[in-house]
């Protein structure tokens, strides 16, 4: 509190504060309190915690990087006891963030060895921002960097016959290094030419885009590999997925009532069968009944398939580039 209050007093004229000491409360209890307090834009929720404690500089950096990945992927179960002393509060927030379709981004990661003193026993710190995924937007320069990287990846594949060995460069924008899942969609003469992506975040956004761009151009089983002649006329778009959330539906009618046309992307699974439609697919299939039946066909299921093991997950996307068709 003594750290936060001076900043609030400088930035705001009037405000009320509700301090909560979490201690060792379970994730579900913290999440319940956060849901009860969750308001509109007038409500700011701050979860305060150090990260790693008293490791050497290199080990602390590695530990804090892993903690940041768990936070950006909204995976409370991956945040271990030695990665954050306030982990119980963070885990509760990550649980709520999943339910509310938020997107988390590391703003900065540092430790005490970056400021003063020795580096043999340091304490880690991080700052993370959470925003509603449906309204989240990369800055224009970051979008351009991502689109240029995708085009460069495809051109590299044409010239070298393989995917480039990409790595995170110094000075890369934090938003492009965040753990994200994305789809790369290629269109040619206003027709789909390739669409490949990740369902779950498992690597930094820019590296996910590189891998999916190469596969969309040269590994989509529905199309032959892209040619150099086609490259000049190719249009590229990118969709950044939010964390998929299970749709609690006990019947097809309940699932259809939950779907939001033009907003929700949908993933369905039953046993080994599965399929995905991005939100852009609503443009061509605007009725929820048809949307669901066509996705079942794509997954190799009957158009009216339903079973006790059938699961549906929805997500939202930030999409940019000339998106007209997607799969």
Protein backbone atom coordinates (compact mmCIF):
# COMPACT_ATOMS: atom_id res chain seq x y z
CA UNK A 1 0.00 0.00 0.00
CA UNK A 2 2.73 2.47 0.89
CA UNK A 3 4.20 1.86 -2.56
CA UNK A 4 0.93 2.24 -4.49
CA UNK A 5 -0.69 5.17 -2.66
CA UNK A 6 1.75 7.95 -3.66
CA UNK A 7 1.26 7.12 -7.34
CA UNK A 8 -2.53 7.08 -6.97
CA UNK A 9 -2.49 10.37 -5.05
CA UNK A 10 -0.44 11.99 -7.81
CA UNK A 11 -2.50 10.60 -10.68
CA UNK A 12 -6.08 10.86 -9.31
CA UNK A 13 -8.02 13.60 -7.55
CA UNK A 14 -10.57 11.38 -5.80
CA UNK A 15 -10.57 7.65 -5.26
CA UNK A 16 -11.47 4.90 -2.82
CA UNK A 17 -9.17 2.01 -1.97
CA UNK A 18 -10.08 -1.48 -0.79
CA UNK A 19 -6.88 -3.26 0.33
CA UNK A 20 -7.05 -7.06 0.48
CA UNK A 21 -4.41 -9.33 1.96
CA UNK A 22 -4.60 -12.64 0.10
CA UNK A 23 -2.17 -14.80 2.07
CA UNK A 24 -2.51 -18.46 1.14
CA UNK A 25 -6.13 -18.30 -0.07
CA UNK A 26 -7.02 -20.81 -2.81
CA UNK A 27 -7.38 -19.65 -6.40
CA UNK A 28 -11.16 -20.11 -6.38
CA UNK A 29 -11.60 -17.87 -3.32
CA UNK A 30 -9.46 -15.08 -4.79
CA UNK A 31 -11.32 -15.34 -8.10
CA UNK A 32 -14.69 -15.10 -6.33
CA UNK A 33 -13.64 -11.89 -4.55
CA UNK A 34 -12.32 -10.35 -7.77
CA UNK A 35 -15.55 -11.18 -9.61
CA UNK A 36 -17.56 -9.54 -6.81
CA UNK A 37 -15.46 -6.37 -7.01
CA UNK A 38 -15.14 -6.25 -10.80
CA UNK A 39 -16.67 -3.06 -12.12
CA UNK A 40 -16.47 -0.86 -15.17
CA UNK A 41 -13.75 1.58 -16.23
CA UNK A 42 -13.99 3.26 -12.83
CA UNK A 43 -12.52 0.16 -11.15
CA UNK A 44 -8.79 -0.57 -11.17
CA UNK A 45 -7.51 -3.87 -9.80
CA UNK A 46 -3.84 -4.18 -8.89
CA UNK A 47 -2.24 -7.49 -7.87
CA UNK A 48 1.08 -6.81 -6.18
CA UNK A 49 3.88 -9.36 -5.89
CA UNK A 50 7.60 -9.81 -6.29
CA UNK A 51 8.74 -12.57 -8.63
CA UNK A 52 11.81 -14.74 -7.89
CA UNK A 53 13.79 -14.33 -4.67
CA UNK A 54 17.54 -14.50 -3.98
CA UNK A 55 18.76 -16.40 -7.01
CA UNK A 56 21.79 -15.46 -9.04
CA UNK A 57 21.12 -12.99 -11.85
CA UNK A 58 20.93 -15.52 -14.71
CA UNK A 59 18.75 -17.98 -12.78
CA UNK A 60 16.44 -15.16 -11.70
CA UNK A 61 16.05 -14.01 -15.30
CA UNK A 62 15.17 -17.53 -16.40
CA UNK A 63 12.69 -18.01 -13.56
CA UNK A 64 11.03 -14.64 -14.17
CA UNK A 65 10.76 -15.37 -17.90
CA UNK A 66 8.89 -18.59 -17.11
CA UNK A 67 6.60 -16.75 -14.70
CA UNK A 68 5.88 -14.16 -17.39
CA UNK A 69 4.97 -16.92 -19.86
CA UNK A 70 2.51 -18.44 -17.38
CA UNK A 71 0.91 -15.04 -16.81
CA UNK A 72 0.63 -14.17 -20.51
CA UNK A 73 -0.86 -17.60 -21.28
CA UNK A 74 -3.36 -17.16 -18.39
CA UNK A 75 -2.23 -20.46 -16.88
CA UNK A 76 -2.34 -20.20 -13.06
CA UNK A 77 -1.33 -23.84 -12.68
CA UNK A 78 2.06 -23.10 -14.28
CA UNK A 79 2.99 -20.40 -11.77
CA UNK A 80 5.11 -22.27 -9.22
CA UNK A 81 5.70 -21.49 -5.56
CA UNK A 82 9.23 -20.15 -6.06
CA UNK A 83 8.31 -17.85 -8.97
CA UNK A 84 6.18 -15.31 -7.08
CA UNK A 85 5.57 -14.79 -3.37
CA UNK A 86 2.14 -13.33 -4.23
CA UNK A 87 1.28 -16.22 -6.52
CA UNK A 88 -2.10 -16.85 -4.86
CA UNK A 89 -3.34 -13.39 -5.84
CA UNK A 90 -1.92 -13.74 -9.35
CA UNK A 91 -3.48 -17.17 -9.81
CA UNK A 92 -6.88 -15.79 -8.83
CA UNK A 93 -6.51 -12.97 -11.34
CA UNK A 94 -5.47 -15.37 -14.13
CA UNK A 95 -8.55 -17.50 -13.44
CA UNK A 96 -10.81 -14.45 -13.77
CA UNK A 97 -8.88 -13.25 -16.83
CA UNK A 98 -9.66 -16.51 -18.62
CA UNK A 99 -13.36 -16.26 -17.79
CA UNK A 100 -13.58 -12.63 -18.92
CA UNK A 101 -11.52 -13.13 -22.11
CA UNK A 102 -8.64 -10.85 -21.14
CA UNK A 103 -5.23 -10.57 -22.77
CA UNK A 104 -2.11 -10.18 -20.63
CA UNK A 105 1.11 -8.54 -21.80
CA UNK A 106 4.41 -8.14 -19.97
CA UNK A 107 5.33 -4.45 -19.92
CA UNK A 108 8.76 -4.99 -18.39
CA UNK A 109 10.80 -7.57 -16.47
CA UNK A 110 13.69 -6.55 -14.25
CA UNK A 111 15.44 -7.58 -11.06
CA UNK A 112 17.38 -5.80 -8.36
CA UNK A 113 20.63 -6.61 -10.15
CA UNK A 114 19.58 -4.20 -12.91
CA UNK A 115 19.56 -1.23 -10.52
CA UNK A 116 22.15 -1.42 -7.77
CA UNK A 117 24.06 -3.88 -5.63
CA UNK A 118 25.43 -7.29 -6.50
CA UNK A 119 23.98 -9.93 -8.78
CA UNK A 120 24.56 -12.99 -6.65
CA UNK A 121 21.21 -12.74 -4.80
CA UNK A 122 18.57 -10.69 -6.60
CA UNK A 123 14.80 -10.18 -6.43
CA UNK A 124 12.71 -10.23 -9.59
CA UNK A 125 9.96 -7.79 -10.56
CA UNK A 126 7.52 -7.54 -13.45
CA UNK A 127 4.74 -5.30 -14.70
CA UNK A 128 1.83 -6.76 -16.67
CA UNK A 129 -1.19 -5.14 -18.29
CA UNK A 130 -4.54 -6.89 -18.73
CA UNK A 131 -7.10 -5.77 -21.31
CA UNK A 132 -10.24 -7.20 -22.87
CA UNK A 133 -9.04 -9.32 -25.78
CA UNK A 134 -11.89 -8.35 -28.10
CA UNK A 135 -10.86 -4.70 -27.91
CA UNK A 136 -7.09 -5.20 -27.64
CA UNK A 137 -5.03 -3.75 -30.48
CA UNK A 138 -1.38 -3.80 -31.42
CA UNK A 139 0.06 -0.41 -32.27
CA UNK A 140 0.29 0.33 -36.01
CA UNK A 141 4.11 -0.10 -36.14
CA UNK A 142 3.80 -3.49 -34.42
CA UNK A 143 1.15 -4.63 -36.88
CA UNK A 144 3.36 -3.55 -39.76
CA UNK A 145 6.34 -5.40 -38.30
CA UNK A 146 4.29 -8.57 -37.97
CA UNK A 147 2.88 -8.39 -41.50
CA UNK A 148 6.32 -7.60 -42.96
CA UNK A 149 7.79 -10.55 -41.05
CA UNK A 150 5.15 -12.89 -42.46
CA UNK A 151 5.83 -11.72 -46.02
CA UNK A 152 9.58 -12.02 -45.49
CA UNK A 153 9.10 -15.57 -44.13
CA UNK A 154 7.19 -16.62 -47.24
CA UNK A 155 9.74 -15.01 -49.56
CA UNK A 156 12.54 -16.74 -47.64
CA UNK A 157 10.76 -20.07 -48.09
CA UNK A 158 10.45 -19.50 -51.82
CA UNK A 159 14.15 -18.68 -52.15
CA UNK A 160 15.56 -21.27 -49.74
CA UNK A 161 13.03 -24.09 -49.59
CA UNK A 162 12.71 -24.02 -45.82
CA UNK A 163 11.42 -22.07 -42.84
CA UNK A 164 13.86 -19.44 -41.50
CA UNK A 165 15.45 -20.03 -38.11
CA UNK A 166 13.92 -17.10 -36.25
CA UNK A 167 14.78 -15.80 -32.78
CA UNK A 168 13.71 -12.83 -30.66
CA UNK A 169 15.87 -9.84 -31.46
CA UNK A 170 17.05 -7.10 -29.11
CA UNK A 171 14.69 -4.16 -28.95
CA UNK A 172 11.66 -6.14 -30.10
CA UNK A 173 8.38 -4.64 -28.88
CA UNK A 174 7.04 -6.46 -25.83
CA UNK A 175 3.69 -7.05 -27.52
CA UNK A 176 5.40 -9.01 -30.32
CA UNK A 177 7.34 -11.12 -27.82
CA UNK A 178 4.23 -11.92 -25.76
CA UNK A 179 2.97 -15.51 -25.65
CA UNK A 180 0.19 -15.61 -28.22
CA UNK A 181 -1.57 -17.96 -30.63
CA UNK A 182 -2.21 -16.65 -34.14
CA UNK A 183 -3.49 -17.69 -37.55
CA UNK A 184 -1.95 -16.56 -40.83
CA UNK A 185 -4.42 -16.33 -43.72
CA UNK A 186 -3.30 -16.03 -47.35
CA UNK A 187 -5.64 -14.93 -50.12
CA UNK A 188 -5.04 -14.78 -53.87
CA UNK A 189 -7.41 -13.04 -56.26
CA UNK A 190 -9.92 -12.77 -53.41
CA UNK A 191 -9.82 -16.53 -52.80
CA UNK A 192 -8.37 -18.48 -49.87
CA UNK A 193 -4.84 -19.73 -50.64
CA UNK A 194 -3.78 -21.00 -47.22
CA UNK A 195 -4.73 -20.65 -43.56
CA UNK A 196 -2.74 -22.22 -40.72
CA UNK A 197 -2.45 -21.30 -37.07
CA UNK A 198 -2.15 -22.26 -33.42
CA UNK A 199 -5.08 -22.94 -31.12
CA UNK A 200 -3.22 -22.23 -27.88
CA UNK A 201 -0.40 -19.85 -27.06
CA UNK A 202 2.88 -21.75 -26.70
CA UNK A 203 5.54 -19.38 -28.08
CA UNK A 204 6.10 -15.65 -28.65
CA UNK A 205 3.71 -14.05 -31.13
CA UNK A 206 6.28 -13.15 -33.78
CA UNK A 207 7.74 -16.69 -33.76
CA UNK A 208 4.26 -18.19 -33.98
CA UNK A 209 3.57 -15.96 -36.97
CA UNK A 210 6.78 -17.08 -38.70
CA UNK A 211 6.01 -20.79 -38.25
CA UNK A 212 2.37 -20.43 -39.31
CA UNK A 213 3.22 -18.24 -42.30
CA UNK A 214 5.56 -20.89 -43.69
CA UNK A 215 3.00 -23.64 -43.16
CA UNK A 216 0.17 -21.58 -44.67
CA UNK A 217 2.25 -20.95 -47.79
CA UNK A 218 3.85 -24.37 -48.21
CA UNK A 219 2.17 -26.84 -45.88
CA UNK A 220 -1.60 -26.35 -46.00
CA UNK A 221 -2.79 -29.78 -47.19
CA UNK A 222 -5.70 -28.23 -49.10
CA UNK A 223 -3.37 -26.41 -51.49
CA UNK A 224 -0.20 -27.00 -53.47
CA UNK A 225 2.90 -25.07 -52.27
CA UNK A 226 2.88 -21.39 -53.13
CA UNK A 227 4.84 -20.35 -56.22
CA UNK A 228 6.97 -17.26 -56.89
CA UNK A 229 4.46 -16.01 -59.47
CA UNK A 230 1.68 -16.14 -56.91
CA UNK A 231 3.72 -14.31 -54.27
CA UNK A 232 3.48 -10.99 -56.10
CA UNK A 233 -0.33 -11.08 -55.94
CA UNK A 234 -0.61 -12.54 -52.44
CA UNK A 235 -2.52 -10.81 -49.63
CA UNK A 236 -1.63 -11.61 -46.03
CA UNK A 237 -3.69 -11.21 -42.88
CA UNK A 238 -3.08 -12.18 -39.26
CA UNK A 239 -5.53 -13.09 -36.50
CA UNK A 240 -4.34 -13.08 -32.88
CA UNK A 241 -6.46 -15.45 -30.80
CA UNK A 242 -7.57 -14.94 -27.23
CA UNK A 243 -7.40 -17.87 -24.81
CA UNK A 244 -10.15 -20.36 -25.78
CA UNK A 245 -12.92 -20.69 -23.17
CA UNK A 246 -15.19 -23.70 -22.75
CA UNK A 247 -18.81 -22.93 -23.63
CA UNK A 248 -20.96 -24.54 -20.91
CA UNK A 249 -23.69 -26.08 -23.03
CA UNK A 250 -25.57 -29.32 -22.47
CA UNK A 251 -27.31 -29.28 -25.84
CA UNK A 252 -26.98 -27.85 -29.32
CA UNK A 253 -29.73 -25.33 -28.58
CA UNK A 254 -27.82 -24.01 -25.55
CA UNK A 255 -24.61 -23.74 -27.57
CA UNK A 256 -26.35 -21.84 -30.38
CA UNK A 257 -27.81 -19.38 -27.87
CA UNK A 258 -24.33 -18.68 -26.49
CA UNK A 259 -22.69 -17.98 -29.87
CA UNK A 260 -22.14 -14.34 -30.86
CA UNK A 261 -22.10 -13.95 -34.66
CA UNK A 262 -19.23 -11.83 -36.03
CA UNK A 263 -17.56 -11.92 -32.59
CA UNK A 264 -16.85 -15.51 -31.55
CA UNK A 265 -14.44 -17.90 -33.15
CA UNK A 266 -15.25 -21.52 -32.34
CA UNK A 267 -13.25 -24.68 -31.68
CA UNK A 268 -15.06 -28.01 -31.41
CA UNK A 269 -13.69 -31.34 -30.21
CA UNK A 270 -15.02 -34.83 -29.76
CA UNK A 271 -12.52 -37.61 -29.28
CA UNK A 272 -9.84 -37.26 -31.97
CA UNK A 273 -12.07 -35.10 -34.19
CA UNK A 274 -11.72 -31.34 -34.04
CA UNK A 275 -12.04 -28.17 -36.07
CA UNK A 276 -11.86 -24.40 -35.86
CA UNK A 277 -13.57 -21.44 -37.50
CA UNK A 278 -12.20 -17.92 -37.06
CA UNK A 279 -14.73 -15.12 -36.48
CA UNK A 280 -14.26 -14.00 -40.10
CA UNK A 281 -16.10 -17.13 -41.25
CA UNK A 282 -19.35 -15.52 -40.06
CA UNK A 283 -19.10 -13.24 -43.12
CA UNK A 284 -19.83 -16.21 -45.37
CA UNK A 285 -21.94 -18.27 -42.93
CA UNK A 286 -24.01 -15.76 -40.94
CA UNK A 287 -26.53 -18.15 -39.33
CA UNK A 288 -25.37 -19.91 -36.14
CA UNK A 289 -27.00 -23.22 -37.14
CA UNK A 290 -25.13 -23.29 -40.43
CA UNK A 291 -21.93 -22.05 -38.81
CA UNK A 292 -21.96 -24.97 -36.37
CA UNK A 293 -22.98 -27.62 -38.91
CA UNK A 294 -20.27 -26.53 -41.37
CA UNK A 295 -17.66 -26.62 -38.62
CA UNK A 296 -18.74 -30.15 -37.75
CA UNK A 297 -18.28 -31.14 -41.40
CA UNK A 298 -14.80 -29.60 -41.36
CA UNK A 299 -13.99 -31.66 -38.25
CA UNK A 300 -15.12 -34.86 -39.99
CA UNK A 301 -18.33 -35.14 -37.96
CA UNK A 302 -21.95 -35.39 -39.06
CA UNK A 303 -23.62 -31.97 -39.53
CA UNK A 304 -25.98 -32.65 -36.60
CA UNK A 305 -23.47 -34.46 -34.38
CA UNK A 306 -23.87 -34.20 -30.61
CA UNK A 307 -22.63 -36.39 -27.77
CA UNK A 308 -21.83 -36.22 -24.07
CA UNK A 309 -18.15 -35.83 -24.96
CA UNK A 310 -18.69 -33.00 -27.46
CA UNK A 311 -16.90 -29.80 -26.36
CA UNK A 312 -17.00 -26.29 -27.79
CA UNK A 313 -14.59 -23.46 -27.00
CA UNK A 314 -14.97 -19.86 -28.08
CA UNK A 315 -12.43 -17.12 -28.54
CA UNK A 316 -12.10 -13.66 -30.02
CA UNK A 317 -9.45 -12.29 -32.35
CA UNK A 318 -7.57 -9.17 -33.24
CA UNK A 319 -7.38 -9.40 -37.03
CA UNK A 320 -5.59 -7.11 -39.49
CA UNK A 321 -4.61 -7.20 -43.11
CA UNK A 322 -7.11 -7.62 -45.96
CA UNK A 323 -9.22 -10.30 -44.26
CA UNK A 324 -12.06 -11.51 -46.50
CA UNK A 325 -11.96 -15.29 -46.16
CA UNK A 326 -10.60 -17.56 -43.45
CA UNK A 327 -10.79 -21.19 -42.48
